[in-house]
């Protein structure tokens, strides 16, 4: 999957505290805020798919 300026944009509203935390995490991981969010969502999805029974994955 390729993410970049050509990818569709999605606006997300985050509580100020969560956004600040994500920004600090992104800096610590040397990523942009957008990249940090994408990586975390991909990790969450992979974890969820790994927990689903075989054949139920899409």
C-alpha atoms as a PDB file:
ATOM      1  CA  UNK A   1       0.000   0.000   0.000  1.00  0.00           C
ATOM      2  CA  UNK A   2       1.353   3.396  -0.965  1.00  0.00           C
ATOM      3  CA  UNK A   3       0.487   6.490   1.019  1.00  0.00           C
ATOM      4  CA  UNK A   4       1.325   9.949  -0.219  1.00  0.00           C
ATOM      5  CA  UNK A   5      -0.070  13.172  -1.527  1.00  0.00           C
ATOM      6  CA  UNK A   6      -1.949  11.254  -4.226  1.00  0.00           C
ATOM      7  CA  UNK A   7      -3.861   9.250  -1.603  1.00  0.00           C
ATOM      8  CA  UNK A   8      -7.374  10.308  -0.655  1.00  0.00           C
ATOM      9  CA  UNK A   9      -7.456  12.655   2.335  1.00  0.00           C
ATOM     10  CA  UNK A  10      -9.559  12.024   5.425  1.00  0.00           C
ATOM     11  CA  UNK A  11     -10.250  14.620   8.066  1.00  0.00           C
ATOM     12  CA  UNK A  12     -10.245  13.279  11.603  1.00  0.00           C
ATOM     13  CA  UNK A  13     -11.106  15.203  14.736  1.00  0.00           C
ATOM     14  CA  UNK A  14      -8.896  14.342  17.685  1.00  0.00           C
ATOM     15  CA  UNK A  15      -9.075  15.548  21.266  1.00  0.00           C
ATOM     16  CA  UNK A  16      -6.233  18.030  21.890  1.00  0.00           C
ATOM     17  CA  UNK A  17      -4.553  15.727  24.421  1.00  0.00           C
ATOM     18  CA  UNK A  18      -4.540  12.765  22.021  1.00  0.00           C
ATOM     19  CA  UNK A  19      -3.206  14.869  19.156  1.00  0.00           C
ATOM     20  CA  UNK A  20      -0.402  16.259  21.335  1.00  0.00           C
ATOM     21  CA  UNK A  21       0.525  12.739  22.462  1.00  0.00           C
ATOM     22  CA  UNK A  22       0.552  11.474  18.863  1.00  0.00           C
ATOM     23  CA  UNK A  23       2.705  14.420  17.784  1.00  0.00           C
ATOM     24  CA  UNK A  24       5.267  13.589  20.483  1.00  0.00           C
ATOM     25  CA  UNK A  25       5.212   9.913  19.497  1.00  0.00           C
ATOM     26  CA  UNK A  26       5.720  10.881  15.851  1.00  0.00           C
ATOM     27  CA  UNK A  27       8.743  13.000  16.767  1.00  0.00           C
ATOM     28  CA  UNK A  28      10.195  10.184  18.877  1.00  0.00           C
ATOM     29  CA  UNK A  29       9.711   7.773  15.952  1.00  0.00           C
ATOM     30  CA  UNK A  30      11.038  10.293  13.397  1.00  0.00           C
ATOM     31  CA  UNK A  31       7.776  10.297  11.450  1.00  0.00           C
ATOM     32  CA  UNK A  32       5.219  12.863  10.431  1.00  0.00           C
ATOM     33  CA  UNK A  33       1.973  12.961  12.389  1.00  0.00           C
ATOM     34  CA  UNK A  34       0.189  11.463   9.390  1.00  0.00           C
ATOM     35  CA  UNK A  35       2.709   8.636   9.089  1.00  0.00           C
ATOM     36  CA  UNK A  36       2.457   7.899  12.809  1.00  0.00           C
ATOM     37  CA  UNK A  37      -1.323   7.594  12.564  1.00  0.00           C
ATOM     38  CA  UNK A  38      -1.088   5.353   9.478  1.00  0.00           C
ATOM     39  CA  UNK A  39       1.487   3.053  11.111  1.00  0.00           C
ATOM     40  CA  UNK A  40      -0.597   2.731  14.268  1.00  0.00           C
ATOM     41  CA  UNK A  41      -3.761   1.974  12.311  1.00  0.00           C
ATOM     42  CA  UNK A  42      -1.933  -0.628  10.211  1.00  0.00           C
ATOM     43  CA  UNK A  43      -0.582  -2.272  13.386  1.00  0.00           C
ATOM     44  CA  UNK A  44      -4.034  -2.300  14.937  1.00  0.00           C
ATOM     45  CA  UNK A  45      -5.542  -3.826  11.802  1.00  0.00           C
ATOM     46  CA  UNK A  46      -2.853  -6.509  11.590  1.00  0.00           C
ATOM     47  CA  UNK A  47      -3.398  -7.394  15.241  1.00  0.00           C
ATOM     48  CA  UNK A  48      -7.155  -7.633  14.750  1.00  0.00           C
ATOM     49  CA  UNK A  49      -6.802  -9.769  11.614  1.00  0.00           C
ATOM     50  CA  UNK A  50      -4.409 -12.104  13.430  1.00  0.00           C
ATOM     51  CA  UNK A  51      -7.042 -12.664  16.127  1.00  0.00           C
ATOM     52  CA  UNK A  52      -9.874 -13.459  13.711  1.00  0.00           C
ATOM     53  CA  UNK A  53     -10.651 -17.091  12.908  1.00  0.00           C
ATOM     54  CA  UNK A  54      -9.313 -18.417   9.590  1.00  0.00           C
ATOM     55  CA  UNK A  55     -11.673 -17.732   6.697  1.00  0.00           C
ATOM     56  CA  UNK A  56     -13.207 -14.681   8.388  1.00  0.00           C
ATOM     57  CA  UNK A  57     -10.438 -12.351   7.176  1.00  0.00           C
ATOM     58  CA  UNK A  58     -11.181  -9.939   4.329  1.00  0.00           C
END
